[in-house]
Amino acid sequence: MCLDRIMFMFAGAMVLLSVVLTAFVSPYFVWLTVFVGANLFQSSITGFCPAALVFKMLGAKEGKAF
């Protein structure tokens, strides 16, 4: 699996997790959703994503976007 698909999967999982945590644990977990969204926006402009660096170090194959 290439890095692009891993990043989309990771971002989607983080958004879903934050929605569940917001609904069942604390409304303050909405800030996790805000952080993930801001990071997605920032990485679409700059091409830099800290999570992508971590997944590259773990051996993910390079993709087109990252």
N, C-alpha and C. Protein backbone atom coordinates (compact mmCIF):
# COMPACT_ATOMS: atom_id res chain seq x y z
N MET A 1 0.85 -1.17 0.00
CA MET A 1 0.00 0.00 0.00
C MET A 1 0.90 1.24 0.00
N CYS A 2 0.56 2.20 -0.84
CA CYS A 2 1.40 3.39 -0.95
C CYS A 2 1.06 4.40 0.14
N LEU A 3 1.96 5.33 0.32
CA LEU A 3 1.85 6.34 1.37
C LEU A 3 0.58 7.17 1.25
N ASP A 4 0.16 7.49 0.03
CA ASP A 4 -1.05 8.30 -0.15
C ASP A 4 -2.27 7.61 0.44
N ARG A 5 -2.43 6.35 0.14
CA ARG A 5 -3.59 5.60 0.67
C ARG A 5 -3.50 5.46 2.18
N ILE A 6 -2.31 5.26 2.70
CA ILE A 6 -2.14 5.16 4.15
C ILE A 6 -2.52 6.48 4.81
N MET A 7 -2.12 7.60 4.21
CA MET A 7 -2.45 8.90 4.79
C MET A 7 -3.94 9.17 4.74
N PHE A 8 -4.62 8.83 3.65
CA PHE A 8 -6.07 9.02 3.58
C PHE A 8 -6.77 8.15 4.62
N MET A 9 -6.30 6.92 4.78
CA MET A 9 -6.88 6.02 5.76
C MET A 9 -6.66 6.53 7.18
N PHE A 10 -5.46 7.00 7.46
CA PHE A 10 -5.13 7.51 8.79
C PHE A 10 -5.95 8.76 9.12
N ALA A 11 -6.05 9.69 8.17
CA ALA A 11 -6.81 10.92 8.39
C ALA A 11 -8.30 10.59 8.61
N GLY A 12 -8.84 9.71 7.80
CA GLY A 12 -10.24 9.31 7.97
C GLY A 12 -10.49 8.64 9.30
N ALA A 13 -9.58 7.78 9.71
CA ALA A 13 -9.72 7.10 11.00
C ALA A 13 -9.65 8.10 12.16
N MET A 14 -8.77 9.08 12.04
CA MET A 14 -8.66 10.09 13.10
C MET A 14 -9.92 10.94 13.20
N VAL A 15 -10.51 11.30 12.06
CA VAL A 15 -11.75 12.08 12.07
C VAL A 15 -12.88 11.26 12.69
N LEU A 16 -13.01 10.00 12.27
CA LEU A 16 -14.06 9.16 12.83
C LEU A 16 -13.87 8.94 14.32
N LEU A 17 -12.63 8.71 14.74
CA LEU A 17 -12.35 8.54 16.17
C LEU A 17 -12.69 9.79 16.95
N SER A 18 -12.35 10.95 16.41
CA SER A 18 -12.64 12.19 17.14
C SER A 18 -14.14 12.46 17.23
N VAL A 19 -14.89 12.07 16.21
CA VAL A 19 -16.35 12.24 16.27
C VAL A 19 -16.95 11.33 17.34
N VAL A 20 -16.49 10.10 17.40
CA VAL A 20 -16.98 9.17 18.42
C VAL A 20 -16.61 9.65 19.81
N LEU A 21 -15.37 10.10 19.98
CA LEU A 21 -14.94 10.60 21.29
C LEU A 21 -15.71 11.86 21.69
N THR A 22 -16.00 12.72 20.72
CA THR A 22 -16.78 13.93 21.00
C THR A 22 -18.19 13.56 21.44
N ALA A 23 -18.78 12.58 20.79
CA ALA A 23 -20.16 12.20 21.10
C ALA A 23 -20.28 11.48 22.43
N PHE A 24 -19.31 10.64 22.76
CA PHE A 24 -19.47 9.77 23.92
C PHE A 24 -18.59 10.09 25.12
N VAL A 25 -17.54 10.88 24.95
CA VAL A 25 -16.62 11.14 26.05
C VAL A 25 -16.69 12.60 26.49
N SER A 26 -16.31 13.50 25.60
CA SER A 26 -16.26 14.91 25.96
C SER A 26 -16.38 15.77 24.70
N PRO A 27 -17.13 16.86 24.78
CA PRO A 27 -17.23 17.73 23.60
C PRO A 27 -15.91 18.41 23.23
N TYR A 28 -14.95 18.39 24.13
CA TYR A 28 -13.65 19.00 23.85
C TYR A 28 -12.85 18.21 22.81
N PHE A 29 -13.23 16.97 22.56
CA PHE A 29 -12.53 16.19 21.54
C PHE A 29 -12.80 16.73 20.13
N VAL A 30 -13.73 17.67 20.00
CA VAL A 30 -13.95 18.29 18.69
C VAL A 30 -12.68 19.01 18.23
N TRP A 31 -11.84 19.40 19.16
CA TRP A 31 -10.57 20.05 18.80
C TRP A 31 -9.63 19.11 18.07
N LEU A 32 -9.75 17.81 18.31
CA LEU A 32 -8.97 16.84 17.53
C LEU A 32 -9.41 16.88 16.07
N THR A 33 -10.71 16.98 15.84
CA THR A 33 -11.22 17.09 14.47
C THR A 33 -10.70 18.37 13.82
N VAL A 34 -10.70 19.46 14.56
CA VAL A 34 -10.20 20.73 14.04
C VAL A 34 -8.72 20.61 13.68
N PHE A 35 -7.94 19.97 14.54
CA PHE A 35 -6.51 19.80 14.29
C PHE A 35 -6.27 18.96 13.04
N VAL A 36 -7.01 17.86 12.89
CA VAL A 36 -6.83 17.00 11.72
C VAL A 36 -7.21 17.76 10.45
N GLY A 37 -8.31 18.49 10.50
CA GLY A 37 -8.72 19.27 9.33
C GLY A 37 -7.71 20.34 8.96
N ALA A 38 -7.19 21.04 9.97
CA ALA A 38 -6.18 22.07 9.71
C ALA A 38 -4.91 21.46 9.13
N ASN A 39 -4.52 20.29 9.62
CA ASN A 39 -3.33 19.63 9.10
C ASN A 39 -3.55 19.18 7.66
N LEU A 40 -4.74 18.67 7.34
CA LEU A 40 -5.04 18.29 5.96
C LEU A 40 -4.98 19.51 5.03
N PHE A 41 -5.54 20.61 5.48
CA PHE A 41 -5.52 21.84 4.69
C PHE A 41 -4.09 22.32 4.47
N GLN A 42 -3.32 22.36 5.53
CA GLN A 42 -1.93 22.80 5.46
C GLN A 42 -1.11 21.90 4.55
N SER A 43 -1.29 20.59 4.66
CA SER A 43 -0.49 19.67 3.85
C SER A 43 -0.89 19.72 2.37
N SER A 44 -2.15 20.08 2.08
CA SER A 44 -2.54 20.20 0.68
C SER A 44 -1.87 21.40 0.02
N ILE A 45 -1.54 22.42 0.80
CA ILE A 45 -0.89 23.61 0.26
C ILE A 45 0.62 23.43 0.20
N THR A 46 1.20 22.94 1.30
CA THR A 46 2.66 22.88 1.39
C THR A 46 3.26 21.55 0.96
N GLY A 47 2.48 20.47 1.03
CA GLY A 47 3.02 19.15 0.73
C GLY A 47 3.76 18.53 1.89
N PHE A 48 3.78 19.21 3.04
CA PHE A 48 4.46 18.69 4.22
C PHE A 48 3.44 18.14 5.20
N CYS A 49 3.67 16.90 5.64
CA CYS A 49 2.79 16.27 6.62
C CYS A 49 3.66 15.47 7.59
N PRO A 50 3.61 15.81 8.88
CA PRO A 50 4.43 15.08 9.85
C PRO A 50 4.11 13.59 9.89
N ALA A 51 2.84 13.24 9.77
CA ALA A 51 2.47 11.82 9.80
C ALA A 51 3.07 11.08 8.60
N ALA A 52 3.14 11.74 7.46
CA ALA A 52 3.73 11.12 6.27
C ALA A 52 5.21 10.80 6.50
N LEU A 53 5.90 11.69 7.20
CA LEU A 53 7.30 11.42 7.52
C LEU A 53 7.44 10.17 8.39
N VAL A 54 6.55 10.04 9.36
CA VAL A 54 6.59 8.88 10.25
C VAL A 54 6.32 7.61 9.47
N PHE A 55 5.30 7.62 8.61
CA PHE A 55 4.98 6.43 7.83
C PHE A 55 6.10 6.10 6.83
N LYS A 56 6.77 7.11 6.30
CA LYS A 56 7.93 6.85 5.42
C LYS A 56 9.03 6.14 6.19
N MET A 57 9.29 6.61 7.43
CA MET A 57 10.33 5.97 8.24
C MET A 57 9.95 4.54 8.59
N LEU A 58 8.65 4.25 8.65
CA LEU A 58 8.20 2.90 8.95
C LEU A 58 8.21 1.99 7.72
N GLY A 59 8.54 2.58 6.56
CA GLY A 59 8.74 1.74 5.37
C GLY A 59 7.63 1.79 4.34
N ALA A 60 6.74 2.76 4.42
CA ALA A 60 5.67 2.87 3.41
C ALA A 60 6.27 3.30 2.07
N LYS A 61 5.73 2.73 1.00
CA LYS A 61 6.19 3.10 -0.33
C LYS A 61 5.73 4.51 -0.67
N GLU A 62 6.56 5.25 -1.38
CA GLU A 62 6.22 6.63 -1.76
C GLU A 62 5.02 6.65 -2.68
N GLY A 63 4.24 7.70 -2.53
CA GLY A 63 3.08 7.89 -3.41
C GLY A 63 3.27 9.11 -4.29
N LYS A 64 2.21 9.59 -4.87
CA LYS A 64 2.28 10.76 -5.76
C LYS A 64 2.24 12.06 -4.96
N ALA A 65 1.45 12.10 -3.89
CA ALA A 65 1.25 13.35 -3.16
C ALA A 65 2.32 13.59 -2.09
N PHE A 66 2.78 12.56 -1.45
CA PHE A 66 3.71 12.74 -0.33
C PHE A 66 5.06 12.13 -0.65
